[in-house]
Amino acid sequence: MKTRAAVAFAAKKPLEIVEIDVDGPKAGEVMIEVKATGICHTDYYTLSGADPEGLFPCVLGHEGAGIVVDVGPGVTSLKKGDHVIPLYTPECRQCKSCLSRKTNLCTAIRATQGKGLMPDGTSRFRCDGESVLHYMGSSTFSNHIVVPEIAAAKIREDAPFDKVCYIGCGVTTGIGAVIWTAKAEAGCRAIVFGLGGIGLNVIQGLRMIGAEQIVGVDLNPGRKEMAEKFGMTHFVNPSEVGADLVPYLVDLTGGGADYTFDCTGNTTVMRQALEACHRGWGQSIIIGVAPAGAEIATRPFQLVTGRVWKGSAFGGARGRTDVPRIVDWYMEGRINIDDLITHKLPLERINEGFDLMHEGKSIRSVVEF
C-alpha cells in the first residue's frame, strides 16, 4: 500500500516528506496506522551522523501510537482495531532475558532490528522501488508501519494518541528509571541532573513514589518553574555553585542522595551524579546517552564505599506489560503528560520540530498524521 512518511535519505540532511510503499505484515507481524509520533533527541542523534550504527535511507521515529489495521498469520495477541504503542524494546516473554525477570532487554529480534530490518531480514518499506530501512524497530515517522507482534503494546481505546505517544519513549524512560530500575522507595532523597523531557519524567516518577526531597540540577534557570510543577523541591544551577557542586549537593541532601539520575549524556555529569550519592548505599542511574566512544571514570574508592552505578534503558519497563499500565496512570490523572507536549505539528512541518528541540523551545513536539 501507499503511505506518507518523513524519510531520512542521508545523514545531516532534512527529512523529506514522500509517498512510500509499505508491504503487508508477514507471519507474526502487524500493520499499524500511526496517528501521532513524538520527536526525540535519539532521532536527531542518528540523523546528525553521530550515531555509528545509523543506517540510511531509513524512516526514523520510535515514539508513536496508533491503530492496528492488519495482522499477519499466527498473530494471537492483537487484532484489527486495537489501539497500540509500538515498542523499540520488545517483550517476547520467551527469550533468556525475558524469562530471567532480571532485565527488560528482550533479545528476540535484536540482531535484525539493529540492521534496520524485520525479523526475516527484509524491509517492509520501499521508495521508488528501492528498499528503505526501519529504525529502532518502529519508524513512527511513517503514517503506516509494520512491526513484530511482540513489539506492540495494546492500550485502552479512550487514551488520546497525541498524548500517549510520548509513553513510547520519554515518559516510560523517565518514570520507569525511578520505579523499575532504581526501585526507589517513599521517603528517599534524590537528585536529577538535566531537566529536559526525561528529567521531568524522572521528577514526576519520584513524586509518585513519595520521595521526600527531589533536587533538580540544570544550567538553565528557565526550567525551574516547570520542574517545580512536576514535583521538584530544590533547584541547583551549577554555574552558581562552581567547582564545589558535588560537596554542595552532598550537604544539601544530608550526606548524599539515595538516588541520582543522569539525564544529560555528559560523562562529567555522570561522575558528579555518582559522587553525589550517599556513602554505603547510594545508587546513580545513567539514563542519558553519551557520544559514541565516550567513557566514564571515577576513583575506585567511590564504588568500594558502597555507591552503585546502574544503567537504564526504556526505564527498565517491560513494554507489553508495563506500557499499558503507564497509559492507565495518565488516564487516571496520576502522571502529567499534557504539559510536556509543547508543540503539535503536521507531518509536513516535522523538520520544524527538530529546530524547536535544538533551540530549547520545546519539551516535546508531536506530529499528528
Protein backbone atom coordinates (compact mmCIF):
# COMPACT_ATOMS: atom_id res chain seq x y z
CA MET A 1 0.00 0.00 0.00
CA LYS A 2 0.99 3.66 -0.37
CA THR A 3 1.53 5.90 2.63
CA ARG A 4 3.23 9.17 3.60
CA ALA A 5 6.47 9.23 5.52
CA ALA A 6 9.30 11.54 6.53
CA VAL A 7 12.34 9.73 5.13
CA ALA A 8 15.95 10.31 6.14
CA PHE A 9 17.77 9.67 2.86
CA ALA A 10 21.16 10.64 4.30
CA ALA A 11 22.75 11.92 7.50
CA LYS A 12 22.86 15.68 8.11
CA LYS A 13 20.01 16.29 5.65
CA PRO A 14 16.46 17.44 6.41
CA LEU A 15 13.81 14.75 6.33
CA GLU A 16 11.87 14.54 3.06
CA ILE A 17 8.10 14.05 3.03
CA VAL A 18 7.44 11.44 0.35
CA GLU A 19 4.99 8.72 -0.60
CA ILE A 20 6.39 5.26 0.03
CA ASP A 21 5.21 1.68 -0.39
CA VAL A 22 4.58 -0.44 2.68
CA ASP A 23 4.30 -4.19 2.28
CA GLY A 24 1.69 -6.00 4.36
CA PRO A 25 2.51 -7.88 7.55
CA LYS A 26 4.06 -11.33 7.35
CA ALA A 27 3.79 -14.11 9.93
CA GLY A 28 3.92 -12.76 13.48
CA GLU A 29 3.64 -9.12 12.34
CA VAL A 30 1.04 -6.36 12.46
CA MET A 31 0.46 -3.22 10.42
CA ILE A 32 -0.25 -0.05 12.40
CA GLU A 33 -1.72 3.21 11.22
CA VAL A 34 0.33 5.72 13.22
CA LYS A 35 -1.83 8.57 14.49
CA ALA A 36 0.79 10.60 16.36
CA THR A 37 4.53 10.49 17.00
CA GLY A 38 6.91 12.40 19.23
CA ILE A 39 10.24 13.84 18.05
CA CYS A 40 13.03 12.60 20.32
CA HIS A 41 16.71 13.55 20.71
CA THR A 42 17.61 9.99 19.73
CA ASP A 43 16.10 10.54 16.29
CA TYR A 44 18.32 13.59 15.83
CA TYR A 45 21.37 11.72 17.14
CA THR A 46 21.03 9.31 14.22
CA LEU A 47 20.09 11.99 11.70
CA SER A 48 23.10 14.09 12.72
CA GLY A 49 25.51 11.37 11.61
CA ALA A 50 26.95 10.98 15.13
CA ASP A 51 25.35 7.56 15.59
CA PRO A 52 27.91 4.95 14.50
CA GLU A 53 25.07 2.47 13.97
CA GLY A 54 22.98 4.87 11.91
CA LEU A 55 21.85 3.46 8.56
CA PHE A 56 20.31 5.27 5.58
CA PRO A 57 17.92 5.66 3.90
CA CYS A 58 15.53 4.99 6.75
CA VAL A 59 12.28 6.08 8.34
CA LEU A 60 13.13 7.50 11.75
CA GLY A 61 10.83 7.79 14.76
CA HIS A 62 10.26 5.49 17.73
CA GLU A 63 7.70 7.27 19.91
CA GLY A 64 4.25 6.70 18.47
CA ALA A 65 0.70 5.49 18.94
CA GLY A 66 -1.88 4.21 16.50
CA ILE A 67 -4.37 1.55 15.44
CA VAL A 68 -3.78 -1.97 14.15
CA VAL A 69 -5.14 -2.15 10.60
CA ASP A 70 -3.91 -5.61 9.55
CA VAL A 71 -2.37 -8.71 11.11
CA GLY A 72 -0.19 -11.45 9.67
CA PRO A 73 -0.55 -15.21 10.11
CA GLY A 74 -0.07 -16.53 13.62
CA VAL A 75 -0.79 -13.28 15.44
CA THR A 76 -2.85 -14.04 18.55
CA SER A 77 -2.49 -11.14 20.99
CA LEU A 78 -3.61 -8.33 18.66
CA LYS A 79 -6.42 -7.80 16.18
CA LYS A 80 -7.60 -5.15 13.73
CA GLY A 81 -8.88 -2.10 15.54
CA ASP A 82 -6.68 -2.49 18.62
CA HIS A 83 -5.02 0.70 19.84
CA VAL A 84 -1.29 0.21 20.36
CA ILE A 85 2.03 1.83 21.13
CA PRO A 86 4.96 0.45 19.06
CA LEU A 87 7.88 -0.74 21.19
CA TYR A 88 11.53 -0.19 20.31
CA THR A 89 12.26 -2.53 23.22
CA PRO A 90 10.06 -5.58 22.54
CA GLU A 91 8.84 -8.17 25.02
CA CYS A 92 8.71 -11.69 23.59
CA ARG A 93 8.31 -13.37 27.00
CA GLN A 94 10.25 -16.39 25.72
CA CYS A 95 13.94 -15.46 25.31
CA LYS A 96 16.55 -15.95 28.03
CA SER A 97 16.40 -12.28 29.00
CA CYS A 98 12.61 -12.15 29.29
CA LEU A 99 12.46 -15.41 31.23
CA SER A 100 15.18 -14.26 33.63
CA ARG A 101 12.95 -11.48 35.00
CA LYS A 102 16.23 -9.65 35.64
CA THR A 103 16.06 -7.31 32.64
CA ASN A 104 13.67 -5.75 30.15
CA LEU A 105 16.19 -6.07 27.32
CA CYS A 106 14.49 -8.72 25.19
CA THR A 107 16.88 -10.25 22.66
CA ALA A 108 14.35 -11.97 20.37
CA ILE A 109 14.77 -9.60 17.40
CA ARG A 110 17.85 -7.65 18.41
CA ALA A 111 20.10 -8.81 15.56
CA THR A 112 17.82 -7.77 12.70
CA GLN A 113 16.42 -4.68 14.43
CA GLY A 114 19.93 -3.24 14.67
CA LYS A 115 20.29 -3.66 10.91
CA GLY A 116 17.08 -1.79 10.16
CA LEU A 117 15.29 -4.95 9.11
CA MET A 118 12.32 -7.06 10.13
CA PRO A 119 12.98 -10.47 11.77
CA ASP A 120 13.03 -12.21 8.36
CA GLY A 121 15.92 -9.99 7.25
CA THR A 122 13.96 -7.76 4.86
CA SER A 123 12.35 -4.33 4.97
CA ARG A 124 8.66 -3.55 4.52
CA PHE A 125 9.40 -0.05 3.17
CA ARG A 126 10.19 0.92 -0.42
CA CYS A 127 10.58 4.26 -2.16
CA ASP A 128 10.72 4.38 -5.97
CA GLY A 129 11.36 0.67 -5.92
CA GLU A 130 14.36 0.89 -3.59
CA SER A 131 14.39 -0.54 -0.08
CA VAL A 132 14.14 1.89 2.85
CA LEU A 133 15.26 0.71 6.29
CA HIS A 134 13.32 0.58 9.55
CA TYR A 135 14.56 2.44 12.66
CA MET A 136 14.64 1.03 16.18
CA GLY A 137 12.03 -1.45 15.07
CA SER A 138 9.42 1.33 15.00
CA SER A 139 9.79 4.00 12.25
CA THR A 140 6.91 6.09 13.56
CA PHE A 141 7.61 8.95 11.12
CA SER A 142 5.54 6.93 8.65
CA ASN A 143 1.73 7.01 8.62
CA HIS A 144 1.72 3.20 8.28
CA ILE A 145 4.29 0.80 9.71
CA VAL A 146 4.77 -2.93 10.17
CA VAL A 147 6.20 -4.27 13.43
CA PRO A 148 6.51 -7.69 15.06
CA GLU A 149 3.58 -8.61 17.29
CA ILE A 150 5.97 -8.68 20.26
CA ALA A 151 6.85 -5.03 19.60
CA ALA A 152 3.41 -3.52 20.11
CA ALA A 153 1.69 -2.83 23.43
CA LYS A 154 -2.11 -2.92 23.38
CA ILE A 155 -3.60 0.07 25.21
CA ARG A 156 -7.07 1.30 26.18
CA GLU A 157 -9.11 2.87 23.37
CA ASP A 158 -10.04 6.09 25.16
CA ALA A 159 -6.42 7.27 25.50
CA PRO A 160 -5.56 10.23 23.20
CA PHE A 161 -2.91 9.33 20.64
CA ASP A 162 -1.33 12.80 20.69
CA LYS A 163 -0.52 12.39 24.39
CA VAL A 164 0.19 8.72 24.97
CA CYS A 165 2.57 8.50 22.00
CA TYR A 166 5.09 10.10 24.40
CA ILE A 167 4.85 6.98 26.56
CA GLY A 168 6.54 5.14 23.69
CA CYS A 169 9.87 6.57 24.89
CA GLY A 170 10.29 9.68 27.05
CA VAL A 171 7.65 9.16 29.72
CA THR A 172 8.46 5.50 30.25
CA THR A 173 12.21 6.11 30.20
CA GLY A 174 11.99 8.70 32.98
CA ILE A 175 9.29 7.32 35.24
CA GLY A 176 10.48 3.76 34.71
CA ALA A 177 14.02 4.58 35.78
CA VAL A 178 12.62 5.50 39.18
CA ILE A 179 10.16 2.63 39.57
CA TRP A 180 11.78 -0.33 37.79
CA THR A 181 15.50 0.47 37.59
CA ALA A 182 16.19 2.25 40.88
CA LYS A 183 13.16 0.76 42.67
CA ALA A 184 13.15 3.96 44.71
CA GLU A 185 11.11 4.00 47.89
CA ALA A 186 8.95 6.54 49.69
CA GLY A 187 10.90 8.99 51.83
CA CYS A 188 14.08 8.85 49.72
CA ARG A 189 16.26 11.79 48.72
CA ALA A 190 17.10 12.13 45.02
CA ILE A 191 18.98 14.36 42.60
CA VAL A 192 18.04 14.70 38.93
CA PHE A 193 20.71 16.08 36.59
CA GLY A 194 19.18 17.64 33.49
CA LEU A 195 15.61 18.97 33.50
CA GLY A 196 14.56 18.31 29.93
CA GLY A 197 11.78 15.91 28.97
CA ILE A 198 13.43 12.86 30.52
CA GLY A 199 14.41 14.69 33.70
CA LEU A 200 10.89 15.99 34.21
CA ASN A 201 9.54 12.47 33.92
CA VAL A 202 12.11 11.25 36.45
CA ILE A 203 10.88 14.00 38.78
CA GLN A 204 7.26 13.01 38.45
CA GLY A 205 8.24 9.37 38.97
CA LEU A 206 9.92 10.39 42.23
CA ARG A 207 6.86 12.37 43.24
CA MET A 208 4.67 9.33 42.52
CA ILE A 209 6.62 7.08 44.86
CA GLY A 210 6.70 9.68 47.62
CA ALA A 211 10.29 10.93 47.60
CA GLU A 212 10.99 13.34 50.47
CA GLN A 213 13.50 15.52 48.60
CA ILE A 214 13.83 15.97 44.83
CA VAL A 215 16.76 18.15 43.78
CA GLY A 216 16.92 19.31 40.17
CA VAL A 217 20.25 20.35 38.64
CA ASP A 218 20.34 22.35 35.41
CA LEU A 219 22.26 25.25 33.90
CA ASN A 220 19.04 26.76 32.53
CA PRO A 221 17.12 28.66 35.24
CA GLY A 222 14.16 28.80 32.89
CA ARG A 223 13.46 25.15 33.64
CA LYS A 224 12.95 25.70 37.37
CA GLU A 225 9.26 26.62 37.24
CA MET A 226 8.20 23.60 35.17
CA ALA A 227 10.30 21.23 37.29
CA GLU A 228 8.65 22.55 40.45
CA LYS A 229 5.26 21.91 38.87
CA PHE A 230 6.25 18.28 38.39
CA GLY A 231 7.47 17.83 41.97
CA MET A 232 10.99 19.24 42.32
CA THR A 233 11.67 20.56 45.83
CA HIS A 234 15.09 22.21 45.35
CA PHE A 235 16.78 23.74 42.27
CA VAL A 236 20.55 24.00 41.81
CA ASN A 237 22.28 25.86 38.99
CA PRO A 238 25.86 24.50 38.69
CA SER A 239 27.12 27.82 37.32
CA GLU A 240 26.18 29.45 40.62
CA VAL A 241 27.88 26.77 42.72
CA GLY A 242 31.05 26.33 40.69
CA ALA A 243 33.66 23.62 41.31
CA ASP A 244 32.09 22.72 44.65
CA LEU A 245 28.94 21.23 43.08
CA VAL A 246 29.36 17.71 44.47
CA PRO A 247 30.07 18.72 48.09
CA TYR A 248 27.25 21.25 47.85
CA LEU A 249 24.81 18.54 46.75
CA VAL A 250 26.06 16.10 49.38
CA ASP A 251 25.47 18.71 52.07
CA LEU A 252 22.05 19.66 50.63
CA THR A 253 20.87 16.06 50.77
CA GLY A 254 22.22 15.32 54.24
CA GLY A 255 25.25 13.21 53.32
CA GLY A 256 24.39 12.41 49.73
CA ALA A 257 21.35 11.30 47.78
CA ASP A 258 19.85 7.84 47.99
CA TYR A 259 19.37 8.01 44.22
CA THR A 260 20.77 10.22 41.50
CA PHE A 261 19.74 10.24 37.84
CA ASP A 262 21.83 11.48 34.92
CA CYS A 263 19.58 12.70 32.10
CA THR A 264 22.30 14.64 30.24
CA GLY A 265 24.53 12.12 28.48
CA ASN A 266 27.51 14.15 29.70
CA THR A 267 30.21 11.91 31.17
CA THR A 268 31.46 14.62 33.54
CA VAL A 269 27.95 14.95 34.93
CA MET A 270 27.73 11.15 35.24
CA ARG A 271 30.74 11.24 37.55
CA GLN A 272 29.25 14.08 39.59
CA ALA A 273 26.00 12.15 39.89
CA LEU A 274 27.76 9.08 41.27
CA GLU A 275 29.86 11.06 43.71
CA ALA A 276 26.80 12.92 44.98
CA CYS A 277 25.35 9.59 46.14
CA HIS A 278 25.24 8.63 49.79
CA ARG A 279 28.14 6.56 51.07
CA GLY A 280 27.20 2.92 51.65
CA TRP A 281 24.02 2.65 49.58
CA GLY A 282 23.59 5.43 47.03
CA GLN A 283 22.62 4.43 43.51
CA SER A 284 23.33 6.52 40.42
CA ILE A 285 21.18 5.73 37.39
CA ILE A 286 22.55 6.59 33.94
CA ILE A 287 19.77 7.40 31.50
CA GLY A 288 21.41 9.91 29.16
CA VAL A 289 23.14 8.57 26.04
CA ALA A 290 26.77 9.70 25.77
CA PRO A 291 28.53 10.37 22.45
CA ALA A 292 29.99 7.37 20.64
CA GLY A 293 33.26 6.22 22.19
CA ALA A 294 32.84 8.24 25.39
CA GLU A 295 33.94 6.67 28.67
CA ILE A 296 33.05 7.32 32.31
CA ALA A 297 35.53 7.40 35.18
CA THR A 298 35.67 7.81 38.93
CA ARG A 299 38.01 6.83 41.73
CA PRO A 300 37.52 3.17 42.74
CA PHE A 301 37.08 4.41 46.31
CA GLN A 302 33.67 5.77 45.32
CA LEU A 303 32.47 2.28 44.44
CA VAL A 304 34.33 0.42 47.19
CA THR A 305 32.50 2.57 49.71
CA GLY A 306 29.14 1.34 48.52
CA ARG A 307 27.95 3.57 45.72
CA VAL A 308 26.46 1.84 42.67
CA TRP A 309 26.37 2.83 39.00
CA LYS A 310 23.41 1.44 37.07
CA GLY A 311 22.20 1.92 33.52
CA SER A 312 18.57 2.18 32.47
CA ALA A 313 17.12 1.51 29.01
CA PHE A 314 13.43 2.28 28.41
CA GLY A 315 13.20 2.77 32.16
CA GLY A 316 13.58 -0.93 32.79
CA ALA A 317 9.97 -1.32 31.64
CA ARG A 318 8.68 -4.50 30.00
CA GLY A 319 6.83 -2.97 27.07
CA ARG A 320 3.76 -5.14 26.58
CA THR A 321 3.27 -5.49 30.34
CA ASP A 322 4.15 -2.05 31.72
CA VAL A 323 3.29 0.43 28.95
CA PRO A 324 -0.49 -0.20 29.24
CA ARG A 325 -0.14 0.41 32.98
CA ILE A 326 1.52 3.79 32.38
CA VAL A 327 -1.28 4.72 29.97
CA ASP A 328 -3.72 3.94 32.77
CA TRP A 329 -1.73 6.18 35.15
CA TYR A 330 -2.07 9.03 32.68
CA MET A 331 -5.79 8.48 32.17
CA GLU A 332 -6.30 8.32 35.95
CA GLY A 333 -4.50 11.64 36.40
CA ARG A 334 -1.56 10.16 38.30
CA ILE A 335 1.00 11.49 35.80
CA ASN A 336 1.10 14.66 33.73
CA ILE A 337 1.80 14.40 30.01
CA ASP A 338 -0.23 17.31 28.68
CA ASP A 339 2.20 19.99 29.91
CA LEU A 340 5.13 18.15 28.33
CA ILE A 341 3.62 18.34 24.83
CA THR A 342 4.57 21.90 23.97
CA HIS A 343 4.10 21.84 20.19
CA LYS A 344 1.92 19.94 17.68
CA LEU A 345 2.80 19.85 14.01
CA PRO A 346 1.58 18.20 10.81
CA LEU A 347 3.96 15.80 9.09
CA GLU A 348 4.91 18.46 6.54
CA ARG A 349 6.47 20.54 9.33
CA ILE A 350 8.37 17.76 11.07
CA ASN A 351 11.75 19.42 10.46
CA GLU A 352 10.49 22.43 12.43
CA GLY A 353 10.09 20.09 15.38
CA PHE A 354 13.81 19.31 15.30
CA ASP A 355 14.59 23.03 15.15
CA LEU A 356 12.41 23.71 18.19
CA MET A 357 14.21 20.96 20.09
CA HIS A 358 17.69 22.33 19.28
CA GLU A 359 16.67 25.87 20.18
CA GLY A 360 15.41 24.71 23.56
CA LYS A 361 11.91 25.97 22.76
CA SER A 362 10.12 22.66 23.20
CA ILE A 363 9.94 19.85 25.71
CA ARG A 364 8.29 17.53 23.25
CA SER A 365 6.92 18.24 19.78
CA VAL A 366 4.31 15.82 18.48
CA VAL A 367 3.49 15.19 14.83
CA GLU A 368 -0.09 14.25 14.06
CA PHE A 369 -1.00 12.41 10.88
